[in-house]
Structures are given as structure tokens and as C-alpha cells.
């Protein structure tokens, strides 16, 4: 395979991975929906370039954490198809870092959106 083909193929594989996560992981669909809603609201509230950058990084971080969680859960299922305490711990800790990233994103959302919403309500 030529270098050009391998680059395009890697994008194809990455797209398939996102598609698989969207198809098989309900939480991924929730994160994507909330991310899109945040983007629409950011347009309405006319975010500054810095606010857009923060929103993009925060949203991408949560989605990346969900993808990593999906990978780790799949690996644990392959390596340990039977129930084991260490497998449960690995999955639970993996889910916990998604939860923490979502909590952090909510906090960032409050900082970004609340002042703008309060300003609109006071007008």
C-alpha cells in the first residue's frame, strides 16, 4: 500500500471506530448530542474565539475519554470473558474517568454559558 493509501485507510479505520462507538455505546450518543447542543448554543450566544477553543477542547476531551473507555472495556471483555474482580475494577475505573471528564465539562460549561445567559435574561 502506498503512503497516500495508508493515510486514507487510517482515516477510514478511525471513522469506522467512531461509527462503532456511536452504534454500540449509548453514552457516546449522549456525549455527541450534548456536544452538538453546546455548539448550537455557542452560536446563539456568539462565543468569542477563545470560548470556542475552550468548548472544542472540552467537548473533544469528553468524547475521547468515552472512546478510550470503549476500547478498555472491549479489551477487558476479550482478555477476561468470565467475571473477575480485577476486570470489574478496570471497567469501573475506566467509566469513572469518563464521568470525571463529563463533570469537568459541565463545570466549564457553567463558566462559559452562565454569564452569557444571565446577561440575556437581565436585558
Protein backbone atom coordinates (compact mmCIF):
# COMPACT_ATOMS: atom_id res chain seq x y z
CA UNK A 1 0.00 0.00 0.00
CA UNK A 2 1.34 3.44 -0.88
CA UNK A 3 1.75 6.12 1.77
CA UNK A 4 -1.21 8.04 0.32
CA UNK A 5 -3.44 4.99 0.50
CA UNK A 6 -2.36 4.18 4.05
CA UNK A 7 -3.21 7.71 5.22
CA UNK A 8 -6.67 7.50 3.67
CA UNK A 9 -7.11 3.99 5.05
CA UNK A 10 -6.20 5.18 8.56
CA UNK A 11 -8.92 7.84 8.34
CA UNK A 12 -11.34 5.17 7.16
CA UNK A 13 -10.45 2.98 10.15
CA UNK A 14 -10.82 5.92 12.53
CA UNK A 15 -14.21 6.75 11.05
CA UNK A 16 -15.28 3.14 11.43
CA UNK A 17 -14.19 3.27 15.07
CA UNK A 18 -16.29 6.34 15.75
CA UNK A 19 -19.19 4.69 13.92
CA UNK A 20 -18.84 1.54 16.01
CA UNK A 21 -18.79 3.58 19.21
CA UNK A 22 -21.88 5.53 18.15
CA UNK A 23 -23.67 2.33 17.19
CA UNK A 24 -22.78 0.31 20.29
CA UNK A 25 -22.31 2.83 23.10
CA UNK A 26 -25.40 4.74 24.28
CA UNK A 27 -23.25 7.12 26.34
CA UNK A 28 -21.31 8.08 23.21
CA UNK A 29 -24.57 9.13 21.58
CA UNK A 30 -25.40 11.20 24.67
CA UNK A 31 -21.98 12.92 24.59
CA UNK A 32 -22.28 13.66 20.87
CA UNK A 33 -25.82 15.02 21.29
CA UNK A 34 -24.81 17.25 24.21
CA UNK A 35 -21.71 18.40 22.33
CA UNK A 36 -23.80 19.38 19.31
CA UNK A 37 -26.31 21.16 21.56
CA UNK A 38 -23.42 23.05 23.17
CA UNK A 39 -22.18 24.09 19.73
CA UNK A 40 -25.61 25.34 18.65
CA UNK A 41 -25.99 27.31 21.88
CA UNK A 42 -22.48 28.73 21.44
CA UNK A 43 -23.52 30.08 18.03
CA UNK A 44 -26.62 31.64 19.55
CA UNK A 45 -24.61 33.20 22.37
CA UNK A 46 -21.88 34.36 19.95
CA UNK A 47 -18.89 32.80 21.63
CA UNK A 48 -15.53 34.51 21.25
CA UNK A 49 -12.66 32.63 19.56
CA UNK A 50 -11.19 31.77 22.98
CA UNK A 51 -14.55 30.47 24.20
CA UNK A 52 -14.84 28.36 21.03
CA UNK A 53 -11.39 26.90 21.64
CA UNK A 54 -12.28 26.02 25.23
CA UNK A 55 -15.59 24.50 24.12
CA UNK A 56 -13.89 22.48 21.36
CA UNK A 57 -11.18 21.14 23.66
CA UNK A 58 -13.63 20.30 26.43
CA UNK A 59 -16.10 18.54 24.14
CA UNK A 60 -13.36 16.65 22.35
CA UNK A 61 -11.85 15.60 25.67
CA UNK A 62 -15.11 14.03 26.87
CA UNK A 63 -15.63 12.21 23.57
CA UNK A 64 -12.02 11.00 23.59
CA UNK A 65 -12.46 9.69 27.13
CA UNK A 66 -15.59 7.82 26.04
CA UNK A 67 -13.67 6.28 23.14
CA UNK A 68 -10.86 5.22 25.46
CA UNK A 69 -13.41 3.74 27.85
CA UNK A 70 -14.94 1.78 24.96
CA UNK A 71 -11.52 0.44 23.98
CA UNK A 72 -10.64 -0.60 27.52
CA UNK A 73 -13.99 -2.32 28.04
CA UNK A 74 -13.56 -4.25 24.78
CA UNK A 75 -10.04 -5.34 25.72
CA UNK A 76 -11.18 -6.44 29.18
CA UNK A 77 -14.03 -8.43 27.60
CA UNK A 78 -11.56 -10.17 25.27
CA UNK A 79 -8.96 -10.91 27.94
CA UNK A 80 -11.43 -11.79 30.67
CA UNK A 81 -14.72 -13.05 29.26
CA UNK A 82 -15.65 -14.54 32.63
CA UNK A 83 -16.47 -12.30 35.58
CA UNK A 84 -13.42 -11.34 37.60
CA UNK A 85 -12.97 -8.71 40.26
CA UNK A 86 -9.96 -7.10 38.54
CA UNK A 87 -11.86 -6.93 35.25
CA UNK A 88 -14.75 -5.21 37.04
CA UNK A 89 -12.36 -2.74 38.65
CA UNK A 90 -10.74 -1.95 35.27
CA UNK A 91 -14.13 -1.28 33.70
CA UNK A 92 -15.40 0.76 36.64
CA UNK A 93 -12.28 2.92 36.80
CA UNK A 94 -12.45 3.44 33.05
CA UNK A 95 -16.07 4.57 33.38
CA UNK A 96 -15.05 6.83 36.28
CA UNK A 97 -12.63 8.84 34.16
CA UNK A 98 -15.40 9.41 31.62
CA UNK A 99 -17.63 10.60 34.46
CA UNK A 100 -14.92 12.92 35.77
CA UNK A 101 -14.36 14.38 32.31
CA UNK A 102 -18.11 14.97 31.94
CA UNK A 103 -18.23 16.69 35.35
CA UNK A 104 -15.28 18.87 34.32
CA UNK A 105 -17.05 19.68 31.05
CA UNK A 106 -20.19 20.66 32.96
CA UNK A 107 -18.12 22.98 35.15
CA UNK A 108 -16.52 24.54 32.07
CA UNK A 109 -19.99 24.89 30.58
CA UNK A 110 -21.19 26.77 33.63
CA UNK A 111 -18.25 29.16 33.38
CA UNK A 112 -18.76 29.70 29.64
CA UNK A 113 -22.55 29.80 29.36
CA UNK A 114 -23.93 31.10 32.65
CA UNK A 115 -22.63 34.69 32.39
CA UNK A 116 -23.95 34.99 28.84
CA UNK A 117 -27.33 33.51 29.75
CA UNK A 118 -27.66 35.74 32.80
CA UNK A 119 -26.81 38.76 30.67
CA UNK A 120 -29.55 37.81 28.20
CA UNK A 121 -32.07 37.32 30.99
CA UNK A 122 -31.26 40.68 32.55
CA UNK A 123 -31.73 42.55 29.27
